[in-house]
C-alpha cells in the first residue's frame, strides 16, 4: 500500500495506469 501511494504521488505520466499501480 505504501508503494501504491508513492507511485501515485511520483508518477508524471498523464495516462496514469491504475491497474498497474494496483498490481504493484
PDBML (XML) file of the C-alpha atoms, coordinates in Angstrom:
<?xml version="1.0" encoding="UTF-8" ?>
<PDBx:datablock datablockName="MODEL"
   xmlns:PDBx="http://pdbml.pdb.org/schema/pdbx-v50.xsd"
   xmlns:xsi="http://www.w3.org/2001/XMLSchema-instance"
   xsi:schemaLocation="http://pdbml.pdb.org/schema/pdbx-v50.xsd pdbx-v50.xsd">
   <PDBx:atom_siteCategory>
      <PDBx:atom_site id="1">
         <PDBx:B_iso_or_equiv>0.00</PDBx:B_iso_or_equiv>
         <PDBx:Cartn_x>0.000</PDBx:Cartn_x>
         <PDBx:Cartn_y>0.000</PDBx:Cartn_y>
         <PDBx:Cartn_z>0.000</PDBx:Cartn_z>
         <PDBx:auth_asym_id>A</PDBx:auth_asym_id>
         <PDBx:auth_atom_id>CA</PDBx:auth_atom_id>
         <PDBx:auth_comp_id>UNK</PDBx:auth_comp_id>
         <PDBx:auth_seq_id>1</PDBx:auth_seq_id>
         <PDBx:group_PDB>ATOM</PDBx:group_PDB>
         <PDBx:label_alt_id xsi:nil="true" />
         <PDBx:label_asym_id>A</PDBx:label_asym_id>
         <PDBx:label_atom_id>CA</PDBx:label_atom_id>
         <PDBx:label_comp_id>UNK</PDBx:label_comp_id>
         <PDBx:label_entity_id>1</PDBx:label_entity_id>
         <PDBx:label_seq_id>1</PDBx:label_seq_id>
         <PDBx:occupancy>1.00</PDBx:occupancy>
         <PDBx:pdbx_PDB_model_num>1</PDBx:pdbx_PDB_model_num>
         <PDBx:type_symbol>C</PDBx:type_symbol>
      </PDBx:atom_site>
      <PDBx:atom_site id="2">
         <PDBx:B_iso_or_equiv>0.00</PDBx:B_iso_or_equiv>
         <PDBx:Cartn_x>2.907</PDBx:Cartn_x>
         <PDBx:Cartn_y>2.310</PDBx:Cartn_y>
         <PDBx:Cartn_z>0.791</PDBx:Cartn_z>
         <PDBx:auth_asym_id>A</PDBx:auth_asym_id>
         <PDBx:auth_atom_id>CA</PDBx:auth_atom_id>
         <PDBx:auth_comp_id>UNK</PDBx:auth_comp_id>
         <PDBx:auth_seq_id>2</PDBx:auth_seq_id>
         <PDBx:group_PDB>ATOM</PDBx:group_PDB>
         <PDBx:label_alt_id xsi:nil="true" />
         <PDBx:label_asym_id>A</PDBx:label_asym_id>
         <PDBx:label_atom_id>CA</PDBx:label_atom_id>
         <PDBx:label_comp_id>UNK</PDBx:label_comp_id>
         <PDBx:label_entity_id>1</PDBx:label_entity_id>
         <PDBx:label_seq_id>2</PDBx:label_seq_id>
         <PDBx:occupancy>1.00</PDBx:occupancy>
         <PDBx:pdbx_PDB_model_num>1</PDBx:pdbx_PDB_model_num>
         <PDBx:type_symbol>C</PDBx:type_symbol>
      </PDBx:atom_site>
      <PDBx:atom_site id="3">
         <PDBx:B_iso_or_equiv>0.00</PDBx:B_iso_or_equiv>
         <PDBx:Cartn_x>4.362</PDBx:Cartn_x>
         <PDBx:Cartn_y>1.615</PDBx:Cartn_y>
         <PDBx:Cartn_z>-2.665</PDBx:Cartn_z>
         <PDBx:auth_asym_id>A</PDBx:auth_asym_id>
         <PDBx:auth_atom_id>CA</PDBx:auth_atom_id>
         <PDBx:auth_comp_id>UNK</PDBx:auth_comp_id>
         <PDBx:auth_seq_id>3</PDBx:auth_seq_id>
         <PDBx:group_PDB>ATOM</PDBx:group_PDB>
         <PDBx:label_alt_id xsi:nil="true" />
         <PDBx:label_asym_id>A</PDBx:label_asym_id>
         <PDBx:label_atom_id>CA</PDBx:label_atom_id>
         <PDBx:label_comp_id>UNK</PDBx:label_comp_id>
         <PDBx:label_entity_id>1</PDBx:label_entity_id>
         <PDBx:label_seq_id>3</PDBx:label_seq_id>
         <PDBx:occupancy>1.00</PDBx:occupancy>
         <PDBx:pdbx_PDB_model_num>1</PDBx:pdbx_PDB_model_num>
         <PDBx:type_symbol>C</PDBx:type_symbol>
      </PDBx:atom_site>
      <PDBx:atom_site id="4">
         <PDBx:B_iso_or_equiv>0.00</PDBx:B_iso_or_equiv>
         <PDBx:Cartn_x>0.939</PDBx:Cartn_x>
         <PDBx:Cartn_y>2.259</PDBx:Cartn_y>
         <PDBx:Cartn_z>-4.214</PDBx:Cartn_z>
         <PDBx:auth_asym_id>A</PDBx:auth_asym_id>
         <PDBx:auth_atom_id>CA</PDBx:auth_atom_id>
         <PDBx:auth_comp_id>UNK</PDBx:auth_comp_id>
         <PDBx:auth_seq_id>4</PDBx:auth_seq_id>
         <PDBx:group_PDB>ATOM</PDBx:group_PDB>
         <PDBx:label_alt_id xsi:nil="true" />
         <PDBx:label_asym_id>A</PDBx:label_asym_id>
         <PDBx:label_atom_id>CA</PDBx:label_atom_id>
         <PDBx:label_comp_id>UNK</PDBx:label_comp_id>
         <PDBx:label_entity_id>1</PDBx:label_entity_id>
         <PDBx:label_seq_id>4</PDBx:label_seq_id>
         <PDBx:occupancy>1.00</PDBx:occupancy>
         <PDBx:pdbx_PDB_model_num>1</PDBx:pdbx_PDB_model_num>
         <PDBx:type_symbol>C</PDBx:type_symbol>
      </PDBx:atom_site>
      <PDBx:atom_site id="5">
         <PDBx:B_iso_or_equiv>0.00</PDBx:B_iso_or_equiv>
         <PDBx:Cartn_x>0.852</PDBx:Cartn_x>
         <PDBx:Cartn_y>5.739</PDBx:Cartn_y>
         <PDBx:Cartn_z>-2.638</PDBx:Cartn_z>
         <PDBx:auth_asym_id>A</PDBx:auth_asym_id>
         <PDBx:auth_atom_id>CA</PDBx:auth_atom_id>
         <PDBx:auth_comp_id>UNK</PDBx:auth_comp_id>
         <PDBx:auth_seq_id>5</PDBx:auth_seq_id>
         <PDBx:group_PDB>ATOM</PDBx:group_PDB>
         <PDBx:label_alt_id xsi:nil="true" />
         <PDBx:label_asym_id>A</PDBx:label_asym_id>
         <PDBx:label_atom_id>CA</PDBx:label_atom_id>
         <PDBx:label_comp_id>UNK</PDBx:label_comp_id>
         <PDBx:label_entity_id>1</PDBx:label_entity_id>
         <PDBx:label_seq_id>5</PDBx:label_seq_id>
         <PDBx:occupancy>1.00</PDBx:occupancy>
         <PDBx:pdbx_PDB_model_num>1</PDBx:pdbx_PDB_model_num>
         <PDBx:type_symbol>C</PDBx:type_symbol>
      </PDBx:atom_site>
      <PDBx:atom_site id="6">
         <PDBx:B_iso_or_equiv>0.00</PDBx:B_iso_or_equiv>
         <PDBx:Cartn_x>4.444</PDBx:Cartn_x>
         <PDBx:Cartn_y>6.569</PDBx:Cartn_y>
         <PDBx:Cartn_z>-3.617</PDBx:Cartn_z>
         <PDBx:auth_asym_id>A</PDBx:auth_asym_id>
         <PDBx:auth_atom_id>CA</PDBx:auth_atom_id>
         <PDBx:auth_comp_id>UNK</PDBx:auth_comp_id>
         <PDBx:auth_seq_id>6</PDBx:auth_seq_id>
         <PDBx:group_PDB>ATOM</PDBx:group_PDB>
         <PDBx:label_alt_id xsi:nil="true" />
         <PDBx:label_asym_id>A</PDBx:label_asym_id>
         <PDBx:label_atom_id>CA</PDBx:label_atom_id>
         <PDBx:label_comp_id>UNK</PDBx:label_comp_id>
         <PDBx:label_entity_id>1</PDBx:label_entity_id>
         <PDBx:label_seq_id>6</PDBx:label_seq_id>
         <PDBx:occupancy>1.00</PDBx:occupancy>
         <PDBx:pdbx_PDB_model_num>1</PDBx:pdbx_PDB_model_num>
         <PDBx:type_symbol>C</PDBx:type_symbol>
      </PDBx:atom_site>
      <PDBx:atom_site id="7">
         <PDBx:B_iso_or_equiv>0.00</PDBx:B_iso_or_equiv>
         <PDBx:Cartn_x>3.867</PDBx:Cartn_x>
         <PDBx:Cartn_y>5.560</PDBx:Cartn_y>
         <PDBx:Cartn_z>-7.234</PDBx:Cartn_z>
         <PDBx:auth_asym_id>A</PDBx:auth_asym_id>
         <PDBx:auth_atom_id>CA</PDBx:auth_atom_id>
         <PDBx:auth_comp_id>UNK</PDBx:auth_comp_id>
         <PDBx:auth_seq_id>7</PDBx:auth_seq_id>
         <PDBx:group_PDB>ATOM</PDBx:group_PDB>
         <PDBx:label_alt_id xsi:nil="true" />
         <PDBx:label_asym_id>A</PDBx:label_asym_id>
         <PDBx:label_atom_id>CA</PDBx:label_atom_id>
         <PDBx:label_comp_id>UNK</PDBx:label_comp_id>
         <PDBx:label_entity_id>1</PDBx:label_entity_id>
         <PDBx:label_seq_id>7</PDBx:label_seq_id>
         <PDBx:occupancy>1.00</PDBx:occupancy>
         <PDBx:pdbx_PDB_model_num>1</PDBx:pdbx_PDB_model_num>
         <PDBx:type_symbol>C</PDBx:type_symbol>
      </PDBx:atom_site>
      <PDBx:atom_site id="8">
         <PDBx:B_iso_or_equiv>0.00</PDBx:B_iso_or_equiv>
         <PDBx:Cartn_x>0.704</PDBx:Cartn_x>
         <PDBx:Cartn_y>7.666</PDBx:Cartn_y>
         <PDBx:Cartn_z>-7.433</PDBx:Cartn_z>
         <PDBx:auth_asym_id>A</PDBx:auth_asym_id>
         <PDBx:auth_atom_id>CA</PDBx:auth_atom_id>
         <PDBx:auth_comp_id>UNK</PDBx:auth_comp_id>
         <PDBx:auth_seq_id>8</PDBx:auth_seq_id>
         <PDBx:group_PDB>ATOM</PDBx:group_PDB>
         <PDBx:label_alt_id xsi:nil="true" />
         <PDBx:label_asym_id>A</PDBx:label_asym_id>
         <PDBx:label_atom_id>CA</PDBx:label_atom_id>
         <PDBx:label_comp_id>UNK</PDBx:label_comp_id>
         <PDBx:label_entity_id>1</PDBx:label_entity_id>
         <PDBx:label_seq_id>8</PDBx:label_seq_id>
         <PDBx:occupancy>1.00</PDBx:occupancy>
         <PDBx:pdbx_PDB_model_num>1</PDBx:pdbx_PDB_model_num>
         <PDBx:type_symbol>C</PDBx:type_symbol>
      </PDBx:atom_site>
      <PDBx:atom_site id="9">
         <PDBx:B_iso_or_equiv>0.00</PDBx:B_iso_or_equiv>
         <PDBx:Cartn_x>2.461</PDBx:Cartn_x>
         <PDBx:Cartn_y>10.709</PDBx:Cartn_y>
         <PDBx:Cartn_z>-5.975</PDBx:Cartn_z>
         <PDBx:auth_asym_id>A</PDBx:auth_asym_id>
         <PDBx:auth_atom_id>CA</PDBx:auth_atom_id>
         <PDBx:auth_comp_id>UNK</PDBx:auth_comp_id>
         <PDBx:auth_seq_id>9</PDBx:auth_seq_id>
         <PDBx:group_PDB>ATOM</PDBx:group_PDB>
         <PDBx:label_alt_id xsi:nil="true" />
         <PDBx:label_asym_id>A</PDBx:label_asym_id>
         <PDBx:label_atom_id>CA</PDBx:label_atom_id>
         <PDBx:label_comp_id>UNK</PDBx:label_comp_id>
         <PDBx:label_entity_id>1</PDBx:label_entity_id>
         <PDBx:label_seq_id>9</PDBx:label_seq_id>
         <PDBx:occupancy>1.00</PDBx:occupancy>
         <PDBx:pdbx_PDB_model_num>1</PDBx:pdbx_PDB_model_num>
         <PDBx:type_symbol>C</PDBx:type_symbol>
      </PDBx:atom_site>
      <PDBx:atom_site id="10">
         <PDBx:B_iso_or_equiv>0.00</PDBx:B_iso_or_equiv>
         <PDBx:Cartn_x>5.585</PDBx:Cartn_x>
         <PDBx:Cartn_y>10.359</PDBx:Cartn_y>
         <PDBx:Cartn_z>-8.095</PDBx:Cartn_z>
         <PDBx:auth_asym_id>A</PDBx:auth_asym_id>
         <PDBx:auth_atom_id>CA</PDBx:auth_atom_id>
         <PDBx:auth_comp_id>UNK</PDBx:auth_comp_id>
         <PDBx:auth_seq_id>10</PDBx:auth_seq_id>
         <PDBx:group_PDB>ATOM</PDBx:group_PDB>
         <PDBx:label_alt_id xsi:nil="true" />
         <PDBx:label_asym_id>A</PDBx:label_asym_id>
         <PDBx:label_atom_id>CA</PDBx:label_atom_id>
         <PDBx:label_comp_id>UNK</PDBx:label_comp_id>
         <PDBx:label_entity_id>1</PDBx:label_entity_id>
         <PDBx:label_seq_id>10</PDBx:label_seq_id>
         <PDBx:occupancy>1.00</PDBx:occupancy>
         <PDBx:pdbx_PDB_model_num>1</PDBx:pdbx_PDB_model_num>
         <PDBx:type_symbol>C</PDBx:type_symbol>
      </PDBx:atom_site>
      <PDBx:atom_site id="11">
         <PDBx:B_iso_or_equiv>0.00</PDBx:B_iso_or_equiv>
         <PDBx:Cartn_x>4.188</PDBx:Cartn_x>
         <PDBx:Cartn_y>9.415</PDBx:Cartn_y>
         <PDBx:Cartn_z>-11.477</PDBx:Cartn_z>
         <PDBx:auth_asym_id>A</PDBx:auth_asym_id>
         <PDBx:auth_atom_id>CA</PDBx:auth_atom_id>
         <PDBx:auth_comp_id>UNK</PDBx:auth_comp_id>
         <PDBx:auth_seq_id>11</PDBx:auth_seq_id>
         <PDBx:group_PDB>ATOM</PDBx:group_PDB>
         <PDBx:label_alt_id xsi:nil="true" />
         <PDBx:label_asym_id>A</PDBx:label_asym_id>
         <PDBx:label_atom_id>CA</PDBx:label_atom_id>
         <PDBx:label_comp_id>UNK</PDBx:label_comp_id>
         <PDBx:label_entity_id>1</PDBx:label_entity_id>
         <PDBx:label_seq_id>11</PDBx:label_seq_id>
         <PDBx:occupancy>1.00</PDBx:occupancy>
         <PDBx:pdbx_PDB_model_num>1</PDBx:pdbx_PDB_model_num>
         <PDBx:type_symbol>C</PDBx:type_symbol>
      </PDBx:atom_site>
      <PDBx:atom_site id="12">
         <PDBx:B_iso_or_equiv>0.00</PDBx:B_iso_or_equiv>
         <PDBx:Cartn_x>4.462</PDBx:Cartn_x>
         <PDBx:Cartn_y>12.074</PDBx:Cartn_y>
         <PDBx:Cartn_z>-14.152</PDBx:Cartn_z>
         <PDBx:auth_asym_id>A</PDBx:auth_asym_id>
         <PDBx:auth_atom_id>CA</PDBx:auth_atom_id>
         <PDBx:auth_comp_id>UNK</PDBx:auth_comp_id>
         <PDBx:auth_seq_id>12</PDBx:auth_seq_id>
         <PDBx:group_PDB>ATOM</PDBx:group_PDB>
         <PDBx:label_alt_id xsi:nil="true" />
         <PDBx:label_asym_id>A</PDBx:label_asym_id>
         <PDBx:label_atom_id>CA</PDBx:label_atom_id>
         <PDBx:label_comp_id>UNK</PDBx:label_comp_id>
         <PDBx:label_entity_id>1</PDBx:label_entity_id>
         <PDBx:label_seq_id>12</PDBx:label_seq_id>
         <PDBx:occupancy>1.00</PDBx:occupancy>
         <PDBx:pdbx_PDB_model_num>1</PDBx:pdbx_PDB_model_num>
         <PDBx:type_symbol>C</PDBx:type_symbol>
      </PDBx:atom_site>
      <PDBx:atom_site id="13">
         <PDBx:B_iso_or_equiv>0.00</PDBx:B_iso_or_equiv>
         <PDBx:Cartn_x>2.553</PDBx:Cartn_x>
         <PDBx:Cartn_y>10.117</PDBx:Cartn_y>
         <PDBx:Cartn_z>-16.760</PDBx:Cartn_z>
         <PDBx:auth_asym_id>A</PDBx:auth_asym_id>
         <PDBx:auth_atom_id>CA</PDBx:auth_atom_id>
         <PDBx:auth_comp_id>UNK</PDBx:auth_comp_id>
         <PDBx:auth_seq_id>13</PDBx:auth_seq_id>
         <PDBx:group_PDB>ATOM</PDBx:group_PDB>
         <PDBx:label_alt_id xsi:nil="true" />
         <PDBx:label_asym_id>A</PDBx:label_asym_id>
         <PDBx:label_atom_id>CA</PDBx:label_atom_id>
         <PDBx:label_comp_id>UNK</PDBx:label_comp_id>
         <PDBx:label_entity_id>1</PDBx:label_entity_id>
         <PDBx:label_seq_id>13</PDBx:label_seq_id>
         <PDBx:occupancy>1.00</PDBx:occupancy>
         <PDBx:pdbx_PDB_model_num>1</PDBx:pdbx_PDB_model_num>
         <PDBx:type_symbol>C</PDBx:type_symbol>
      </PDBx:atom_site>
      <PDBx:atom_site id="14">
         <PDBx:B_iso_or_equiv>0.00</PDBx:B_iso_or_equiv>
         <PDBx:Cartn_x>-0.599</PDBx:Cartn_x>
         <PDBx:Cartn_y>11.860</PDBx:Cartn_y>
         <PDBx:Cartn_z>-17.998</PDBx:Cartn_z>
         <PDBx:auth_asym_id>A</PDBx:auth_asym_id>
         <PDBx:auth_atom_id>CA</PDBx:auth_atom_id>
         <PDBx:auth_comp_id>UNK</PDBx:auth_comp_id>
         <PDBx:auth_seq_id>14</PDBx:auth_seq_id>
         <PDBx:group_PDB>ATOM</PDBx:group_PDB>
         <PDBx:label_alt_id xsi:nil="true" />
         <PDBx:label_asym_id>A</PDBx:label_asym_id>
         <PDBx:label_atom_id>CA</PDBx:label_atom_id>
         <PDBx:label_comp_id>UNK</PDBx:label_comp_id>
         <PDBx:label_entity_id>1</PDBx:label_entity_id>
         <PDBx:label_seq_id>14</PDBx:label_seq_id>
         <PDBx:occupancy>1.00</PDBx:occupancy>
         <PDBx:pdbx_PDB_model_num>1</PDBx:pdbx_PDB_model_num>
         <PDBx:type_symbol>C</PDBx:type_symbol>
      </PDBx:atom_site>
      <PDBx:atom_site id="15">
         <PDBx:B_iso_or_equiv>0.00</PDBx:B_iso_or_equiv>
         <PDBx:Cartn_x>-2.069</PDBx:Cartn_x>
         <PDBx:Cartn_y>8.436</PDBx:Cartn_y>
         <PDBx:Cartn_z>-18.786</PDBx:Cartn_z>
         <PDBx:auth_asym_id>A</PDBx:auth_asym_id>
         <PDBx:auth_atom_id>CA</PDBx:auth_atom_id>
         <PDBx:auth_comp_id>UNK</PDBx:auth_comp_id>
         <PDBx:auth_seq_id>15</PDBx:auth_seq_id>
         <PDBx:group_PDB>ATOM</PDBx:group_PDB>
         <PDBx:label_alt_id xsi:nil="true" />
         <PDBx:label_asym_id>A</PDBx:label_asym_id>
         <PDBx:label_atom_id>CA</PDBx:label_atom_id>
         <PDBx:label_comp_id>UNK</PDBx:label_comp_id>
         <PDBx:label_entity_id>1</PDBx:label_entity_id>
         <PDBx:label_seq_id>15</PDBx:label_seq_id>
         <PDBx:occupancy>1.00</PDBx:occupancy>
         <PDBx:pdbx_PDB_model_num>1</PDBx:pdbx_PDB_model_num>
         <PDBx:type_symbol>C</PDBx:type_symbol>
      </PDBx:atom_site>
      <PDBx:atom_site id="16">
         <PDBx:B_iso_or_equiv>0.00</PDBx:B_iso_or_equiv>
         <PDBx:Cartn_x>-1.929</PDBx:Cartn_x>
         <PDBx:Cartn_y>7.097</PDBx:Cartn_y>
         <PDBx:Cartn_z>-15.234</PDBx:Cartn_z>
         <PDBx:auth_asym_id>A</PDBx:auth_asym_id>
         <PDBx:auth_atom_id>CA</PDBx:auth_atom_id>
         <PDBx:auth_comp_id>UNK</PDBx:auth_comp_id>
         <PDBx:auth_seq_id>16</PDBx:auth_seq_id>
         <PDBx:group_PDB>ATOM</PDBx:group_PDB>
         <PDBx:label_alt_id xsi:nil="true" />
         <PDBx:label_asym_id>A</PDBx:label_asym_id>
         <PDBx:label_atom_id>CA</PDBx:label_atom_id>
         <PDBx:label_comp_id>UNK</PDBx:label_comp_id>
         <PDBx:label_entity_id>1</PDBx:label_entity_id>
         <PDBx:label_seq_id>16</PDBx:label_seq_id>
         <PDBx:occupancy>1.00</PDBx:occupancy>
         <PDBx:pdbx_PDB_model_num>1</PDBx:pdbx_PDB_model_num>
         <PDBx:type_symbol>C</PDBx:type_symbol>
      </PDBx:atom_site>
      <PDBx:atom_site id="17">
         <PDBx:B_iso_or_equiv>0.00</PDBx:B_iso_or_equiv>
         <PDBx:Cartn_x>-2.421</PDBx:Cartn_x>
         <PDBx:Cartn_y>3.327</PDBx:Cartn_y>
         <PDBx:Cartn_z>-15.216</PDBx:Cartn_z>
         <PDBx:auth_asym_id>A</PDBx:auth_asym_id>
         <PDBx:auth_atom_id>CA</PDBx:auth_atom_id>
         <PDBx:auth_comp_id>UNK</PDBx:auth_comp_id>
         <PDBx:auth_seq_id>17</PDBx:auth_seq_id>
         <PDBx:group_PDB>ATOM</PDBx:group_PDB>
         <PDBx:label_alt_id xsi:nil="true" />
         <PDBx:label_asym_id>A</PDBx:label_asym_id>
         <PDBx:label_atom_id>CA</PDBx:label_atom_id>
         <PDBx:label_comp_id>UNK</PDBx:label_comp_id>
         <PDBx:label_entity_id>1</PDBx:label_entity_id>
         <PDBx:label_seq_id>17</PDBx:label_seq_id>
         <PDBx:occupancy>1.00</PDBx:occupancy>
         <PDBx:pdbx_PDB_model_num>1</PDBx:pdbx_PDB_model_num>
         <PDBx:type_symbol>C</PDBx:type_symbol>
      </PDBx:atom_site>
      <PDBx:atom_site id="18">
         <PDBx:B_iso_or_equiv>0.00</PDBx:B_iso_or_equiv>
         <PDBx:Cartn_x>-4.363</PDBx:Cartn_x>
         <PDBx:Cartn_y>2.484</PDBx:Cartn_y>
         <PDBx:Cartn_z>-12.090</PDBx:Cartn_z>
         <PDBx:auth_asym_id>A</PDBx:auth_asym_id>
         <PDBx:auth_atom_id>CA</PDBx:auth_atom_id>
         <PDBx:auth_comp_id>UNK</PDBx:auth_comp_id>
         <PDBx:auth_seq_id>18</PDBx:auth_seq_id>
         <PDBx:group_PDB>ATOM</PDBx:group_PDB>
         <PDBx:label_alt_id xsi:nil="true" />
         <PDBx:label_asym_id>A</PDBx:label_asym_id>
         <PDBx:label_atom_id>CA</PDBx:label_atom_id>
         <PDBx:label_comp_id>UNK</PDBx:label_comp_id>
         <PDBx:label_entity_id>1</PDBx:label_entity_id>
         <PDBx:label_seq_id>18</PDBx:label_seq_id>
         <PDBx:occupancy>1.00</PDBx:occupancy>
         <PDBx:pdbx_PDB_model_num>1</PDBx:pdbx_PDB_model_num>
         <PDBx:type_symbol>C</PDBx:type_symbol>
      </PDBx:atom_site>
      <PDBx:atom_site id="19">
         <PDBx:B_iso_or_equiv>0.00</PDBx:B_iso_or_equiv>
         <PDBx:Cartn_x>-4.368</PDBx:Cartn_x>
         <PDBx:Cartn_y>-1.246</PDBx:Cartn_y>
         <PDBx:Cartn_z>-12.876</PDBx:Cartn_z>
         <PDBx:auth_asym_id>A</PDBx:auth_asym_id>
         <PDBx:auth_atom_id>CA</PDBx:auth_atom_id>
         <PDBx:auth_comp_id>UNK</PDBx:auth_comp_id>
         <PDBx:auth_seq_id>19</PDBx:auth_seq_id>
         <PDBx:group_PDB>ATOM</PDBx:group_PDB>
         <PDBx:label_alt_id xsi:nil="true" />
         <PDBx:label_asym_id>A</PDBx:label_asym_id>
         <PDBx:label_atom_id>CA</PDBx:label_atom_id>
         <PDBx:label_comp_id>UNK</PDBx:label_comp_id>
         <PDBx:label_entity_id>1</PDBx:label_entity_id>
         <PDBx:label_seq_id>19</PDBx:label_seq_id>
         <PDBx:occupancy>1.00</PDBx:occupancy>
         <PDBx:pdbx_PDB_model_num>1</PDBx:pdbx_PDB_model_num>
         <PDBx:type_symbol>C</PDBx:type_symbol>
      </PDBx:atom_site>
      <PDBx:atom_site id="20">
         <PDBx:B_iso_or_equiv>0.00</PDBx:B_iso_or_equiv>
         <PDBx:Cartn_x>-0.565</PDBx:Cartn_x>
         <PDBx:Cartn_y>-1.285</PDBx:Cartn_y>
         <PDBx:Cartn_z>-12.953</PDBx:Cartn_z>
         <PDBx:auth_asym_id>A</PDBx:auth_asym_id>
         <PDBx:auth_atom_id>CA</PDBx:auth_atom_id>
         <PDBx:auth_comp_id>UNK</PDBx:auth_comp_id>
         <PDBx:auth_seq_id>20</PDBx:auth_seq_id>
         <PDBx:group_PDB>ATOM</PDBx:group_PDB>
         <PDBx:label_alt_id xsi:nil="true" />
         <PDBx:label_asym_id>A</PDBx:label_asym_id>
         <PDBx:label_atom_id>CA</PDBx:label_atom_id>
         <PDBx:label_comp_id>UNK</PDBx:label_comp_id>
         <PDBx:label_entity_id>1</PDBx:label_entity_id>
         <PDBx:label_seq_id>20</PDBx:label_seq_id>
         <PDBx:occupancy>1.00</PDBx:occupancy>
         <PDBx:pdbx_PDB_model_num>1</PDBx:pdbx_PDB_model_num>
         <PDBx:type_symbol>C</PDBx:type_symbol>
      </PDBx:atom_site>
      <PDBx:atom_site id="21">
         <PDBx:B_iso_or_equiv>0.00</PDBx:B_iso_or_equiv>
         <PDBx:Cartn_x>-0.441</PDBx:Cartn_x>
         <PDBx:Cartn_y>0.560</PDBx:Cartn_y>
         <PDBx:Cartn_z>-9.631</PDBx:Cartn_z>
         <PDBx:auth_asym_id>A</PDBx:auth_asym_id>
         <PDBx:auth_atom_id>CA</PDBx:auth_atom_id>
         <PDBx:auth_comp_id>UNK</PDBx:auth_comp_id>
         <PDBx:auth_seq_id>21</PDBx:auth_seq_id>
         <PDBx:group_PDB>ATOM</PDBx:group_PDB>
         <PDBx:label_alt_id xsi:nil="true" />
         <PDBx:label_asym_id>A</PDBx:label_asym_id>
         <PDBx:label_atom_id>CA</PDBx:label_atom_id>
         <PDBx:label_comp_id>UNK</PDBx:label_comp_id>
         <PDBx:label_entity_id>1</PDBx:label_entity_id>
         <PDBx:label_seq_id>21</PDBx:label_seq_id>
         <PDBx:occupancy>1.00</PDBx:occupancy>
         <PDBx:pdbx_PDB_model_num>1</PDBx:pdbx_PDB_model_num>
         <PDBx:type_symbol>C</PDBx:type_symbol>
      </PDBx:atom_site>
      <PDBx:atom_site id="22">
         <PDBx:B_iso_or_equiv>0.00</PDBx:B_iso_or_equiv>
         <PDBx:Cartn_x>-2.823</PDBx:Cartn_x>
         <PDBx:Cartn_y>-1.928</PDBx:Cartn_y>
         <PDBx:Cartn_z>-8.042</PDBx:Cartn_z>
         <PDBx:auth_asym_id>A</PDBx:auth_asym_id>
         <PDBx:auth_atom_id>CA</PDBx:auth_atom_id>
         <PDBx:auth_comp_id>UNK</PDBx:auth_comp_id>
         <PDBx:auth_seq_id>22</PDBx:auth_seq_id>
         <PDBx:group_PDB>ATOM</PDBx:group_PDB>
         <PDBx:label_alt_id xsi:nil="true" />
         <PDBx:label_asym_id>A</PDBx:label_asym_id>
         <PDBx:label_atom_id>CA</PDBx:label_atom_id>
         <PDBx:label_comp_id>UNK</PDBx:label_comp_id>
         <PDBx:label_entity_id>1</PDBx:label_entity_id>
         <PDBx:label_seq_id>22</PDBx:label_seq_id>
         <PDBx:occupancy>1.00</PDBx:occupancy>
         <PDBx:pdbx_PDB_model_num>1</PDBx:pdbx_PDB_model_num>
         <PDBx:type_symbol>C</PDBx:type_symbol>
      </PDBx:atom_site>
      <PDBx:atom_site id="23">
         <PDBx:B_iso_or_equiv>0.00</PDBx:B_iso_or_equiv>
         <PDBx:Cartn_x>-0.578</PDBx:Cartn_x>
         <PDBx:Cartn_y>-4.720</PDBx:Cartn_y>
         <PDBx:Cartn_z>-9.279</PDBx:Cartn_z>
         <PDBx:auth_asym_id>A</PDBx:auth_asym_id>
         <PDBx:auth_atom_id>CA</PDBx:auth_atom_id>
         <PDBx:auth_comp_id>UNK</PDBx:auth_comp_id>
         <PDBx:auth_seq_id>23</PDBx:auth_seq_id>
         <PDBx:group_PDB>ATOM</PDBx:group_PDB>
         <PDBx:label_alt_id xsi:nil="true" />
         <PDBx:label_asym_id>A</PDBx:label_asym_id>
         <PDBx:label_atom_id>CA</PDBx:label_atom_id>
         <PDBx:label_comp_id>UNK</PDBx:label_comp_id>
         <PDBx:label_entity_id>1</PDBx:label_entity_id>
         <PDBx:label_seq_id>23</PDBx:label_seq_id>
         <PDBx:occupancy>1.00</PDBx:occupancy>
         <PDBx:pdbx_PDB_model_num>1</PDBx:pdbx_PDB_model_num>
         <PDBx:type_symbol>C</PDBx:type_symbol>
      </PDBx:atom_site>
      <PDBx:atom_site id="24">
         <PDBx:B_iso_or_equiv>0.00</PDBx:B_iso_or_equiv>
         <PDBx:Cartn_x>2.362</PDBx:Cartn_x>
         <PDBx:Cartn_y>-3.077</PDBx:Cartn_y>
         <PDBx:Cartn_z>-7.512</PDBx:Cartn_z>
         <PDBx:auth_asym_id>A</PDBx:auth_asym_id>
         <PDBx:auth_atom_id>CA</PDBx:auth_atom_id>
         <PDBx:auth_comp_id>UNK</PDBx:auth_comp_id>
         <PDBx:auth_seq_id>24</PDBx:auth_seq_id>
         <PDBx:group_PDB>ATOM</PDBx:group_PDB>
         <PDBx:label_alt_id xsi:nil="true" />
         <PDBx:label_asym_id>A</PDBx:label_asym_id>
         <PDBx:label_atom_id>CA</PDBx:label_atom_id>
         <PDBx:label_comp_id>UNK</PDBx:label_comp_id>
         <PDBx:label_entity_id>1</PDBx:label_entity_id>
         <PDBx:label_seq_id>24</PDBx:label_seq_id>
         <PDBx:occupancy>1.00</PDBx:occupancy>
         <PDBx:pdbx_PDB_model_num>1</PDBx:pdbx_PDB_model_num>
         <PDBx:type_symbol>C</PDBx:type_symbol>
      </PDBx:atom_site>
   </PDBx:atom_siteCategory>
</PDBx:datablock>
